[in-house]
PDB file of N, CA and C in Angstrom:
ATOM      1  N   UNK A   1      12.437   4.497 -12.177  1.00  0.00           N
ATOM      2  CA  UNK A   1      12.060   4.537 -10.622  1.00  0.00           C
ATOM      3  C   UNK A   1      12.859   3.509 -10.027  1.00  0.00           C
ATOM      4  N   UNK A   2      12.737   2.200 -10.539  1.00  0.00           N
ATOM      5  CA  UNK A   2      13.250   1.016  -9.787  1.00  0.00           C
ATOM      6  C   UNK A   2      14.517   0.747 -10.619  1.00  0.00           C
ATOM      7  N   UNK A   3      15.096  -0.444 -10.310  1.00  0.00           N
ATOM      8  CA  UNK A   3      16.275  -0.916 -10.964  1.00  0.00           C
ATOM      9  C   UNK A   3      15.963  -2.104 -11.791  1.00  0.00           C
ATOM     10  N   UNK A   4      16.901  -2.291 -12.747  1.00  0.00           N
ATOM     11  CA  UNK A   4      16.657  -3.607 -13.695  1.00  0.00           C
ATOM     12  C   UNK A   4      16.944  -4.797 -12.907  1.00  0.00           C
ATOM     13  N   UNK A   5      17.739  -4.669 -11.818  1.00  0.00           N
ATOM     14  CA  UNK A   5      18.186  -5.738 -10.914  1.00  0.00           C
ATOM     15  C   UNK A   5      17.334  -5.938  -9.677  1.00  0.00           C
ATOM     16  N   UNK A   6      17.196  -7.061  -9.106  1.00  0.00           N
ATOM     17  CA  UNK A   6      16.652  -7.313  -7.899  1.00  0.00           C
ATOM     18  C   UNK A   6      17.688  -6.701  -6.939  1.00  0.00           C
ATOM     19  N   UNK A   7      17.354  -6.683  -5.716  1.00  0.00           N
ATOM     20  CA  UNK A   7      18.094  -6.024  -4.733  1.00  0.00           C
ATOM     21  C   UNK A   7      19.365  -6.894  -4.329  1.00  0.00           C
ATOM     22  N   UNK A   8      19.245  -8.101  -4.363  1.00  0.00           N
ATOM     23  CA  UNK A   8      20.344  -8.983  -4.235  1.00  0.00           C
ATOM     24  C   UNK A   8      21.473  -8.936  -5.204  1.00  0.00           C
ATOM     25  N   UNK A   9      21.118  -8.553  -6.487  1.00  0.00           N
ATOM     26  CA  UNK A   9      21.976  -8.474  -7.626  1.00  0.00           C
ATOM     27  C   UNK A   9      22.468  -7.149  -8.030  1.00  0.00           C
ATOM     28  N   UNK A  10      21.819  -6.041  -7.536  1.00  0.00           N
ATOM     29  CA  UNK A  10      22.030  -4.674  -7.898  1.00  0.00           C
ATOM     30  C   UNK A  10      23.422  -4.223  -7.575  1.00  0.00           C
ATOM     31  N   UNK A  11      24.302  -3.854  -8.427  1.00  0.00           N
ATOM     32  CA  UNK A  11      25.627  -3.463  -8.215  1.00  0.00           C
ATOM     33  C   UNK A  11      25.725  -2.255  -7.286  1.00  0.00           C
ATOM     34  N   UNK A  12      24.681  -1.355  -7.196  1.00  0.00           N
ATOM     35  CA  UNK A  12      24.644  -0.229  -6.474  1.00  0.00           C
ATOM     36  C   UNK A  12      24.432  -0.703  -4.924  1.00  0.00           C
ATOM     37  N   UNK A  13      23.998  -1.879  -4.752  1.00  0.00           N
ATOM     38  CA  UNK A  13      23.641  -2.222  -3.268  1.00  0.00           C
ATOM     39  C   UNK A  13      24.845  -3.046  -2.687  1.00  0.00           C
ATOM     40  N   UNK A  14      25.895  -3.153  -3.493  1.00  0.00           N
ATOM     41  CA  UNK A  14      27.152  -4.106  -2.941  1.00  0.00           C
ATOM     42  C   UNK A  14      27.480  -3.634  -1.595  1.00  0.00           C
ATOM     43  N   UNK A  15      27.898  -2.403  -1.447  1.00  0.00           N
ATOM     44  CA  UNK A  15      28.478  -1.950  -0.046  1.00  0.00           C
ATOM     45  C   UNK A  15      27.375  -1.985   0.952  1.00  0.00           C
ATOM     46  N   UNK A  16      26.089  -1.769   0.531  1.00  0.00           N
ATOM     47  CA  UNK A  16      24.965  -1.904   1.591  1.00  0.00           C
ATOM     48  C   UNK A  16      24.850  -3.338   2.107  1.00  0.00           C
ATOM     49  N   UNK A  17      24.823  -4.332   1.109  1.00  0.00           N
ATOM     50  CA  UNK A  17      24.793  -5.642   1.388  1.00  0.00           C
ATOM     51  C   UNK A  17      26.111  -6.183   2.190  1.00  0.00           C
ATOM     52  N   UNK A  18      27.259  -5.663   1.938  1.00  0.00           N
ATOM     53  CA  UNK A  18      28.333  -6.106   2.589  1.00  0.00           C
ATOM     54  C   UNK A  18      28.272  -5.749   4.104  1.00  0.00           C
ATOM     55  N   UNK A  19      27.759  -4.543   4.320  1.00  0.00           N
ATOM     56  CA  UNK A  19      27.566  -3.988   5.606  1.00  0.00           C
ATOM     57  C   UNK A  19      26.517  -4.761   6.344  1.00  0.00           C
ATOM     58  N   UNK A  20      25.475  -5.120   5.696  1.00  0.00           N
ATOM     59  CA  UNK A  20      24.496  -5.883   6.379  1.00  0.00           C
ATOM     60  C   UNK A  20      24.973  -7.253   6.753  1.00  0.00           C
ATOM     61  N   UNK A  21      25.740  -7.949   5.901  1.00  0.00           N
ATOM     62  CA  UNK A  21      26.284  -9.189   6.140  1.00  0.00           C
ATOM     63  C   UNK A  21      27.203  -9.192   7.343  1.00  0.00           C
ATOM     64  N   UNK A  22      28.087  -8.099   7.311  1.00  0.00           N
ATOM     65  CA  UNK A  22      29.026  -7.945   8.393  1.00  0.00           C
ATOM     66  C   UNK A  22      28.369  -7.778   9.841  1.00  0.00           C
ATOM     67  N   UNK A  23      27.152  -7.099   9.890  1.00  0.00           N
ATOM     68  CA  UNK A  23      26.501  -6.831  11.107  1.00  0.00           C
ATOM     69  C   UNK A  23      25.698  -8.311  11.493  1.00  0.00           C
ATOM     70  N   UNK A  24      25.396  -9.131  10.520  1.00  0.00           N
ATOM     71  CA  UNK A  24      24.788 -10.182  10.908  1.00  0.00           C
ATOM     72  C   UNK A  24      23.487 -10.212  11.752  1.00  0.00           C
ATOM     73  N   UNK A  25      23.330 -10.828  12.734  1.00  0.00           N
ATOM     74  CA  UNK A  25      22.110 -10.774  13.529  1.00  0.00           C
ATOM     75  C   UNK A  25      22.147  -9.905  14.751  1.00  0.00           C
ATOM     76  N   UNK A  26      23.065  -8.822  14.724  1.00  0.00           N
ATOM     77  CA  UNK A  26      23.329  -7.955  15.763  1.00  0.00           C
ATOM     78  C   UNK A  26      22.134  -6.980  16.215  1.00  0.00           C
ATOM     79  N   UNK A  27      21.242  -6.738  15.140  1.00  0.00           N
ATOM     80  CA  UNK A  27      20.221  -5.655  15.319  1.00  0.00           C
ATOM     81  C   UNK A  27      18.828  -6.116  15.609  1.00  0.00           C
ATOM     82  N   UNK A  28      18.048  -5.437  16.212  1.00  0.00           N
ATOM     83  CA  UNK A  28      16.587  -5.957  16.460  1.00  0.00           C
ATOM     84  C   UNK A  28      15.784  -5.676  15.258  1.00  0.00           C
ATOM     85  N   UNK A  29      14.789  -6.435  15.230  1.00  0.00           N
ATOM     86  CA  UNK A  29      13.992  -6.512  14.055  1.00  0.00           C
ATOM     87  C   UNK A  29      13.508  -5.016  13.513  1.00  0.00           C
ATOM     88  N   UNK A  30      13.161  -4.184  14.512  1.00  0.00           N
ATOM     89  CA  UNK A  30      12.677  -2.768  14.187  1.00  0.00           C
ATOM     90  C   UNK A  30      13.912  -2.096  13.556  1.00  0.00           C
ATOM     91  N   UNK A  31      15.147  -2.290  14.082  1.00  0.00           N
ATOM     92  CA  UNK A  31      16.242  -1.495  13.489  1.00  0.00           C
ATOM     93  C   UNK A  31      16.577  -2.108  12.166  1.00  0.00           C
ATOM     94  N   UNK A  32      16.371  -3.392  11.963  1.00  0.00           N
ATOM     95  CA  UNK A  32      16.664  -4.124  10.667  1.00  0.00           C
ATOM     96  C   UNK A  32      15.763  -3.722   9.590  1.00  0.00           C
ATOM     97  N   UNK A  33      14.523  -3.488   9.924  1.00  0.00           N
ATOM     98  CA  UNK A  33      13.581  -2.866   9.013  1.00  0.00           C
ATOM     99  C   UNK A  33      13.839  -1.420   8.570  1.00  0.00           C
ATOM    100  N   UNK A  34      14.308  -0.641   9.578  1.00  0.00           N
ATOM    101  CA  UNK A  34      14.740   0.614   9.227  1.00  0.00           C
ATOM    102  C   UNK A  34      16.051   0.577   8.309  1.00  0.00           C
ATOM    103  N   UNK A  35      16.956  -0.333   8.657  1.00  0.00           N
ATOM    104  CA  UNK A  35      18.051  -0.476   7.762  1.00  0.00           C
ATOM    105  C   UNK A  35      17.794  -0.859   6.349  1.00  0.00           C
ATOM    106  N   UNK A  36      16.765  -1.746   6.240  1.00  0.00           N
ATOM    107  CA  UNK A  36      16.416  -2.215   4.961  1.00  0.00           C
ATOM    108  C   UNK A  36      15.801  -1.038   4.192  1.00  0.00           C
ATOM    109  N   UNK A  37      14.886  -0.252   4.766  1.00  0.00           N
ATOM    110  CA  UNK A  37      14.233   0.827   4.203  1.00  0.00           C
ATOM    111  C   UNK A  37      15.220   1.828   3.789  1.00  0.00           C
ATOM    112  N   UNK A  38      16.211   2.251   4.712  1.00  0.00           N
ATOM    113  CA  UNK A  38      17.130   3.168   4.353  1.00  0.00           C
ATOM    114  C   UNK A  38      18.037   2.785   3.110  1.00  0.00           C
ATOM    115  N   UNK A  39      18.301   1.457   3.071  1.00  0.00           N
ATOM    116  CA  UNK A  39      19.307   1.051   1.980  1.00  0.00           C
ATOM    117  C   UNK A  39      18.518   1.055   0.681  1.00  0.00           C
ATOM    118  N   UNK A  40      17.204   1.024   0.682  1.00  0.00           N
ATOM    119  CA  UNK A  40      16.431   0.990  -0.505  1.00  0.00           C
ATOM    120  C   UNK A  40      16.199   2.532  -1.049  1.00  0.00           C
ATOM    121  N   UNK A  41      16.419   3.459  -0.157  1.00  0.00           N
ATOM    122  CA  UNK A  41      16.337   4.846  -0.601  1.00  0.00           C
ATOM    123  C   UNK A  41      14.688   5.046  -0.771  1.00  0.00           C
ATOM    124  N   UNK A  42      14.405   5.955  -1.810  1.00  0.00           N
ATOM    125  CA  UNK A  42      13.021   6.167  -2.137  1.00  0.00           C
ATOM    126  C   UNK A  42      12.182   4.864  -2.691  1.00  0.00           C
ATOM    127  N   UNK A  43      13.048   3.985  -3.131  1.00  0.00           N
ATOM    128  CA  UNK A  43      12.549   2.790  -3.875  1.00  0.00           C
ATOM    129  C   UNK A  43      11.660   2.083  -2.894  1.00  0.00           C
ATOM    130  N   UNK A  44      11.811   2.027  -1.716  1.00  0.00           N
ATOM    131  CA  UNK A  44      11.019   1.204  -0.718  1.00  0.00           C
ATOM    132  C   UNK A  44       9.524   1.671  -0.594  1.00  0.00           C
ATOM    133  N   UNK A  45       9.119   2.651  -1.307  1.00  0.00           N
ATOM    134  CA  UNK A  45       7.824   3.037  -1.310  1.00  0.00           C
ATOM    135  C   UNK A  45       7.187   2.141  -2.445  1.00  0.00           C
ATOM    136  N   UNK A  46       6.481   0.987  -2.028  1.00  0.00           N
ATOM    137  CA  UNK A  46       6.069  -0.114  -2.643  1.00  0.00           C
ATOM    138  C   UNK A  46       4.797   0.377  -3.357  1.00  0.00           C
ATOM    139  N   UNK A  47       4.691   0.536  -4.688  1.00  0.00           N
ATOM    140  CA  UNK A  47       3.532   0.903  -5.287  1.00  0.00           C
ATOM    141  C   UNK A  47       3.132  -0.077  -6.413  1.00  0.00           C
ATOM    142  N   UNK A  48       3.886  -1.079  -6.808  1.00  0.00           N
ATOM    143  CA  UNK A  48       3.621  -1.973  -7.749  1.00  0.00           C
ATOM    144  C   UNK A  48       3.832  -3.215  -7.361  1.00  0.00           C
ATOM    145  N   UNK A  49       3.138  -4.372  -8.015  1.00  0.00           N
ATOM    146  CA  UNK A  49       3.493  -5.758  -7.786  1.00  0.00           C
ATOM    147  C   UNK A  49       4.832  -6.202  -7.982  1.00  0.00           C
ATOM    148  N   UNK A  50       5.480  -5.555  -8.894  1.00  0.00           N
ATOM    149  CA  UNK A  50       6.840  -5.920  -9.107  1.00  0.00           C
ATOM    150  C   UNK A  50       7.764  -5.466  -7.900  1.00  0.00           C
ATOM    151  N   UNK A  51       7.509  -4.279  -7.412  1.00  0.00           N
ATOM    152  CA  UNK A  51       8.313  -3.755  -6.264  1.00  0.00           C
ATOM    153  C   UNK A  51       7.952  -4.714  -5.053  1.00  0.00           C
ATOM    154  N   UNK A  52       6.787  -5.009  -4.839  1.00  0.00           N
ATOM    155  CA  UNK A  52       6.331  -5.888  -3.722  1.00  0.00           C
ATOM    156  C   UNK A  52       7.088  -7.191  -3.837  1.00  0.00           C
ATOM    157  N   UNK A  53       7.167  -7.703  -5.080  1.00  0.00           N
ATOM    158  CA  UNK A  53       7.880  -9.077  -5.204  1.00  0.00           C
ATOM    159  C   UNK A  53       9.419  -8.866  -4.941  1.00  0.00           C
ATOM    160  N   UNK A  54       9.878  -7.800  -5.279  1.00  0.00           N
ATOM    161  CA  UNK A  54      11.407  -7.506  -4.982  1.00  0.00           C
ATOM    162  C   UNK A  54      11.645  -7.309  -3.550  1.00  0.00           C
ATOM    163  N   UNK A  55      10.769  -6.664  -2.849  1.00  0.00           N
ATOM    164  CA  UNK A  55      10.837  -6.609  -1.462  1.00  0.00           C
ATOM    165  C   UNK A  55      10.734  -7.761  -0.714  1.00  0.00           C
ATOM    166  N   UNK A  56       9.751  -8.565  -1.176  1.00  0.00           N
ATOM    167  CA  UNK A  56       9.560  -9.905  -0.621  1.00  0.00           C
ATOM    168  C   UNK A  56      10.652 -10.786  -0.808  1.00  0.00           C
ATOM    169  N   UNK A  57      11.196 -10.761  -2.091  1.00  0.00           N
ATOM    170  CA  UNK A  57      12.519 -11.529  -2.287  1.00  0.00           C
ATOM    171  C   UNK A  57      13.602 -11.115  -1.255  1.00  0.00           C
ATOM    172  N   UNK A  58      13.876  -9.857  -1.103  1.00  0.00           N
ATOM    173  CA  UNK A  58      14.917  -9.367  -0.196  1.00  0.00           C
ATOM    174  C   UNK A  58      14.691  -9.941   1.226  1.00  0.00           C
ATOM    175  N   UNK A  59      13.397  -9.874   1.670  1.00  0.00           N
ATOM    176  CA  UNK A  59      12.951 -10.370   2.939  1.00  0.00           C
ATOM    177  C   UNK A  59      13.279 -11.836   3.226  1.00  0.00           C
ATOM    178  N   UNK A  60      12.932 -12.597   2.170  1.00  0.00           N
ATOM    179  CA  UNK A  60      13.115 -14.045   2.170  1.00  0.00           C
ATOM    180  C   UNK A  60      14.556 -14.321   2.145  1.00  0.00           C
ATOM    181  N   UNK A  61      15.488 -13.677   1.424  1.00  0.00           N
ATOM    182  CA  UNK A  61      16.994 -13.769   1.451  1.00  0.00           C
ATOM    183  C   UNK A  61      17.490 -13.402   2.781  1.00  0.00           C
ATOM    184  N   UNK A  62      17.072 -12.309   3.469  1.00  0.00           N
ATOM    185  CA  UNK A  62      17.479 -12.054   4.702  1.00  0.00           C
ATOM    186  C   UNK A  62      17.032 -12.963   5.798  1.00  0.00           C
ATOM    187  N   UNK A  63      15.833 -13.431   5.618  1.00  0.00           N
ATOM    188  CA  UNK A  63      15.321 -14.512   6.553  1.00  0.00           C
ATOM    189  C   UNK A  63      16.265 -15.836   6.498  1.00  0.00           C
ATOM    190  N   UNK A  64      16.456 -16.147   5.204  1.00  0.00           N
ATOM    191  CA  UNK A  64      17.344 -17.486   4.963  1.00  0.00           C
ATOM    192  C   UNK A  64      18.705 -17.378   5.481  1.00  0.00           C
ATOM    193  N   UNK A  65      19.289 -16.317   5.513  1.00  0.00           N
ATOM    194  CA  UNK A  65      20.542 -16.048   5.909  1.00  0.00           C
ATOM    195  C   UNK A  65      20.650 -15.475   7.359  1.00  0.00           C
ATOM    196  N   UNK A  66      19.476 -15.565   8.103  1.00  0.00           N
ATOM    197  CA  UNK A  66      19.440 -15.176   9.508  1.00  0.00           C
ATOM    198  C   UNK A  66      19.808 -13.828   9.859  1.00  0.00           C
ATOM    199  N   UNK A  67      19.504 -12.873   8.844  1.00  0.00           N
ATOM    200  CA  UNK A  67      19.655 -11.509   9.163  1.00  0.00           C
ATOM    201  C   UNK A  67      18.330 -10.740   9.423  1.00  0.00           C
ATOM    202  N   UNK A  68      17.315 -11.478   9.322  1.00  0.00           N
ATOM    203  CA  UNK A  68      15.970 -11.067   9.504  1.00  0.00           C
ATOM    204  C   UNK A  68      15.213 -12.024  10.291  1.00  0.00           C
ATOM    205  N   UNK A  69      14.585 -11.708  11.489  1.00  0.00           N
ATOM    206  CA  UNK A  69      13.830 -12.747  12.247  1.00  0.00           C
ATOM    207  C   UNK A  69      12.517 -12.973  11.526  1.00  0.00           C
ATOM    208  N   UNK A  70      11.969 -14.183  11.824  1.00  0.00           N
ATOM    209  CA  UNK A  70      10.817 -14.700  11.192  1.00  0.00           C
ATOM    210  C   UNK A  70       9.524 -13.794  11.541  1.00  0.00           C
ATOM    211  N   UNK A  71       9.367 -13.253  12.634  1.00  0.00           N
ATOM    212  CA  UNK A  71       8.225 -12.441  12.945  1.00  0.00           C
ATOM    213  C   UNK A  71       8.335 -11.177  12.166  1.00  0.00           C
ATOM    214  N   UNK A  72       9.444 -10.538  11.961  1.00  0.00           N
ATOM    215  CA  UNK A  72       9.475  -9.438  11.131  1.00  0.00           C
ATOM    216  C   UNK A  72       9.290  -9.655   9.701  1.00  0.00           C
ATOM    217  N   UNK A  73       9.849 -10.709   9.272  1.00  0.00           N
ATOM    218  CA  UNK A  73       9.632 -11.139   7.852  1.00  0.00           C
ATOM    219  C   UNK A  73       7.980 -11.429   7.571  1.00  0.00           C
ATOM    220  N   UNK A  74       7.350 -12.061   8.608  1.00  0.00           N
ATOM    221  CA  UNK A  74       5.937 -12.309   8.329  1.00  0.00           C
ATOM    222  C   UNK A  74       5.167 -11.003   8.299  1.00  0.00           C
ATOM    223  N   UNK A  75       5.590  -9.968   9.094  1.00  0.00           N
ATOM    224  CA  UNK A  75       4.876  -8.705   9.199  1.00  0.00           C
ATOM    225  C   UNK A  75       4.988  -8.061   7.808  1.00  0.00           C
ATOM    226  N   UNK A  76       6.172  -8.157   7.201  1.00  0.00           N
ATOM    227  CA  UNK A  76       6.457  -7.397   5.974  1.00  0.00           C
ATOM    228  C   UNK A  76       5.640  -8.193   4.881  1.00  0.00           C
ATOM    229  N   UNK A  77       5.654  -9.552   4.946  1.00  0.00           N
ATOM    230  CA  UNK A  77       4.920 -10.369   4.157  1.00  0.00           C
ATOM    231  C   UNK A  77       3.306  -9.959   4.091  1.00  0.00           C
ATOM    232  N   UNK A  78       2.830  -9.847   5.269  1.00  0.00           N
ATOM    233  CA  UNK A  78       1.440  -9.612   5.317  1.00  0.00           C
ATOM    234  C   UNK A  78       1.090  -8.179   4.842  1.00  0.00           C
ATOM    235  N   UNK A  79       1.869  -7.259   4.923  1.00  0.00           N
ATOM    236  CA  UNK A  79       1.738  -5.847   4.374  1.00  0.00           C
ATOM    237  C   UNK A  79       1.852  -5.965   2.903  1.00  0.00           C
ATOM    238  N   UNK A  80       2.785  -6.659   2.416  1.00  0.00           N
ATOM    239  CA  UNK A  80       2.903  -6.877   1.007  1.00  0.00           C
ATOM    240  C   UNK A  80       1.803  -7.484   0.301  1.00  0.00           C
ATOM    241  N   UNK A  81       1.096  -8.554   0.881  1.00  0.00           N
ATOM    242  CA  UNK A  81      -0.024  -9.106   0.464  1.00  0.00           C
ATOM    243  C   UNK A  81      -1.194  -8.223   0.486  1.00  0.00           C
ATOM    244  N   UNK A  82      -1.244  -7.448   1.490  1.00  0.00           N
ATOM    245  CA  UNK A  82      -2.398  -6.351   1.569  1.00  0.00           C
ATOM    246  C   UNK A  82      -2.244  -5.280   0.288  1.00  0.00           C
ATOM    247  N   UNK A  83      -0.979  -4.954   0.008  1.00  0.00           N
ATOM    248  CA  UNK A  83      -0.835  -4.040  -1.179  1.00  0.00           C
ATOM    249  C   UNK A  83      -1.195  -4.797  -2.515  1.00  0.00           C
ATOM    250  N   UNK A  84      -0.637  -6.012  -2.662  1.00  0.00           N
ATOM    251  CA  UNK A  84      -1.001  -6.716  -3.926  1.00  0.00           C
ATOM    252  C   UNK A  84      -2.516  -6.955  -4.081  1.00  0.00           C
ATOM    253  N   UNK A  85      -3.113  -7.453  -3.057  1.00  0.00           N
ATOM    254  CA  UNK A  85      -4.624  -7.531  -3.118  1.00  0.00           C
ATOM    255  C   UNK A  85      -5.508  -6.288  -3.369  1.00  0.00           C
ATOM    256  N   UNK A  86      -5.064  -5.135  -2.787  1.00  0.00           N
ATOM    257  CA  UNK A  86      -5.610  -3.941  -3.219  1.00  0.00           C
ATOM    258  C   UNK A  86      -5.438  -3.548  -4.484  1.00  0.00           C
ATOM    259  N   UNK A  87      -4.172  -3.685  -5.073  1.00  0.00           N
ATOM    260  CA  UNK A  87      -3.916  -3.328  -6.543  1.00  0.00           C
ATOM    261  C   UNK A  87      -4.781  -4.288  -7.403  1.00  0.00           C
ATOM    262  N   UNK A  88      -4.828  -5.612  -7.082  1.00  0.00           N
ATOM    263  CA  UNK A  88      -5.710  -6.419  -7.907  1.00  0.00           C
ATOM    264  C   UNK A  88      -7.123  -5.954  -7.900  1.00  0.00           C
ATOM    265  N   UNK A  89      -7.741  -5.641  -6.616  1.00  0.00           N
ATOM    266  CA  UNK A  89      -9.086  -5.246  -6.543  1.00  0.00           C
ATOM    267  C   UNK A  89      -9.250  -3.963  -7.355  1.00  0.00           C
ATOM    268  N   UNK A  90      -8.374  -2.999  -7.299  1.00  0.00           N
ATOM    269  CA  UNK A  90      -8.395  -1.734  -8.042  1.00  0.00           C
ATOM    270  C   UNK A  90      -8.500  -2.084  -9.513  1.00  0.00           C
ATOM    271  N   UNK A  91      -7.521  -2.886  -9.908  1.00  0.00           N
ATOM    272  CA  UNK A  91      -7.463  -3.291 -11.398  1.00  0.00           C
ATOM    273  C   UNK A  91      -8.752  -4.013 -11.849  1.00  0.00           C
ATOM    274  N   UNK A  92      -9.368  -4.819 -11.081  1.00  0.00           N
ATOM    275  CA  UNK A  92     -10.678  -5.531 -11.382  1.00  0.00           C
ATOM    276  C   UNK A  92     -11.774  -4.449 -11.568  1.00  0.00           C
ATOM    277  N   UNK A  93     -11.845  -3.504 -10.588  1.00  0.00           N
ATOM    278  CA  UNK A  93     -12.860  -2.533 -10.559  1.00  0.00           C
ATOM    279  C   UNK A  93     -12.803  -1.681 -11.801  1.00  0.00           C
ATOM    280  N   UNK A  94     -11.531  -1.354 -12.148  1.00  0.00           N
ATOM    281  CA  UNK A  94     -11.272  -0.386 -13.417  1.00  0.00           C
ATOM    282  C   UNK A  94     -11.879  -1.270 -14.637  1.00  0.00           C
ATOM    283  N   UNK A  95     -11.466  -2.494 -14.650  1.00  0.00           N
ATOM    284  CA  UNK A  95     -11.877  -3.254 -15.869  1.00  0.00           C
ATOM    285  C   UNK A  95     -13.510  -3.608 -15.903  1.00  0.00           C
ATOM    286  N   UNK A  96     -14.021  -3.695 -14.746  1.00  0.00           N
ATOM    287  CA  UNK A  96     -15.527  -3.753 -14.705  1.00  0.00           C
ATOM    288  C   UNK A  96     -16.232  -2.493 -15.349  1.00  0.00           C
ATOM    289  N   UNK A  97     -15.708  -1.270 -14.669  1.00  0.00           N
ATOM    290  CA  UNK A  97     -16.173  -0.003 -15.117  1.00  0.00           C
ATOM    291  C   UNK A  97     -15.990   0.231 -16.679  1.00  0.00           C
ATOM    292  N   UNK A  98     -14.902  -0.148 -17.132  1.00  0.00           N
ATOM    293  CA  UNK A  98     -14.649  -0.128 -18.691  1.00  0.00           C
ATOM    294  C   UNK A  98     -15.759  -0.911 -19.431  1.00  0.00           C
ATOM    295  N   UNK A  99     -15.941  -2.111 -18.883  1.00  0.00           N
ATOM    296  CA  UNK A  99     -16.904  -3.056 -19.671  1.00  0.00           C
ATOM    297  C   UNK A  99     -18.279  -2.470 -19.488  1.00  0.00           C
ATOM    298  N   UNK A 100     -18.581  -1.883 -18.381  1.00  0.00           N
ATOM    299  CA  UNK A 100     -19.974  -1.293 -18.165  1.00  0.00           C
ATOM    300  C   UNK A 100     -20.236  -0.132 -19.197  1.00  0.00           C
ATOM    301  N   UNK A 101     -19.153   0.688 -19.391  1.00  0.00           N
ATOM    302  CA  UNK A 101     -19.264   1.825 -20.229  1.00  0.00           C
ATOM    303  C   UNK A 101     -19.426   1.324 -21.596  1.00  0.00           C
ATOM    304  N   UNK A 102     -18.686   0.322 -22.088  1.00  0.00           N
ATOM    305  CA  UNK A 102     -18.854  -0.106 -23.347  1.00  0.00           C
ATOM    306  C   UNK A 102     -20.174  -0.687 -23.587  1.00  0.00           C
ATOM    307  N   UNK A 103     -20.600  -1.463 -22.554  1.00  0.00           N
ATOM    308  CA  UNK A 103     -21.960  -2.035 -22.760  1.00  0.00           C
ATOM    309  C   UNK A 103     -23.051  -0.868 -22.799  1.00  0.00           C
ATOM    310  N   UNK A 104     -22.973   0.233 -22.083  1.00  0.00           N
ATOM    311  CA  UNK A 104     -23.937   1.345 -22.215  1.00  0.00           C
ATOM    312  C   UNK A 104     -23.877   1.838 -23.520  1.00  0.00           C
ATOM    313  N   UNK A 105     -22.653   2.173 -24.190  1.00  0.00           N
ATOM    314  CA  UNK A 105     -22.392   2.738 -25.388  1.00  0.00           C
ATOM    315  C   UNK A 105     -22.981   1.778 -26.507  1.00  0.00           C
ATOM    316  N   UNK A 106     -22.764   0.537 -26.348  1.00  0.00           N
ATOM    317  CA  UNK A 106     -23.177  -0.393 -27.282  1.00  0.00           C
ATOM    318  C   UNK A 106     -24.792  -0.459 -27.470  1.00  0.00           C
ATOM    319  N   UNK A 107     -25.498  -0.418 -26.328  1.00  0.00           N
ATOM    320  CA  UNK A 107     -26.979  -0.464 -26.211  1.00  0.00           C
ATOM    321  C   UNK A 107     -27.553   0.828 -26.112  1.00  0.00           C
ATOM    322  N   UNK A 108     -26.747   2.028 -25.989  1.00  0.00           N
ATOM    323  CA  UNK A 108     -27.388   3.280 -26.081  1.00  0.00           C
ATOM    324  C   UNK A 108     -28.128   3.663 -24.776  1.00  0.00           C
ATOM    325  N   UNK A 109     -27.569   3.070 -23.531  1.00  0.00           N
ATOM    326  CA  UNK A 109     -28.391   3.421 -22.349  1.00  0.00           C
ATOM    327  C   UNK A 109     -27.637   4.338 -21.499  1.00  0.00           C
TER     328      UNK A 109
END
């Protein structure tokens, strides 16, 4: 599904990165987000913590190179945090459920 490389080092992204660098700060935040999403193809559907981390890394790099404005980067960051926390919550709930099942089996309840 994903790549073994982060977006900044993925050989498949070389042309896309070069085009983004060439355009610099000429696009609005909304258009930049659309461009980022399109450059990621189907991968931009963030489903795992690793994917969230990779998108966060991309946004930080774009922010530091002035290709993404701070307010857009913060919006992306907030949404990524929501995804990560929801995943953590779901994982904790699954673990608790598994422990409760084991406990019931152990004590025959």
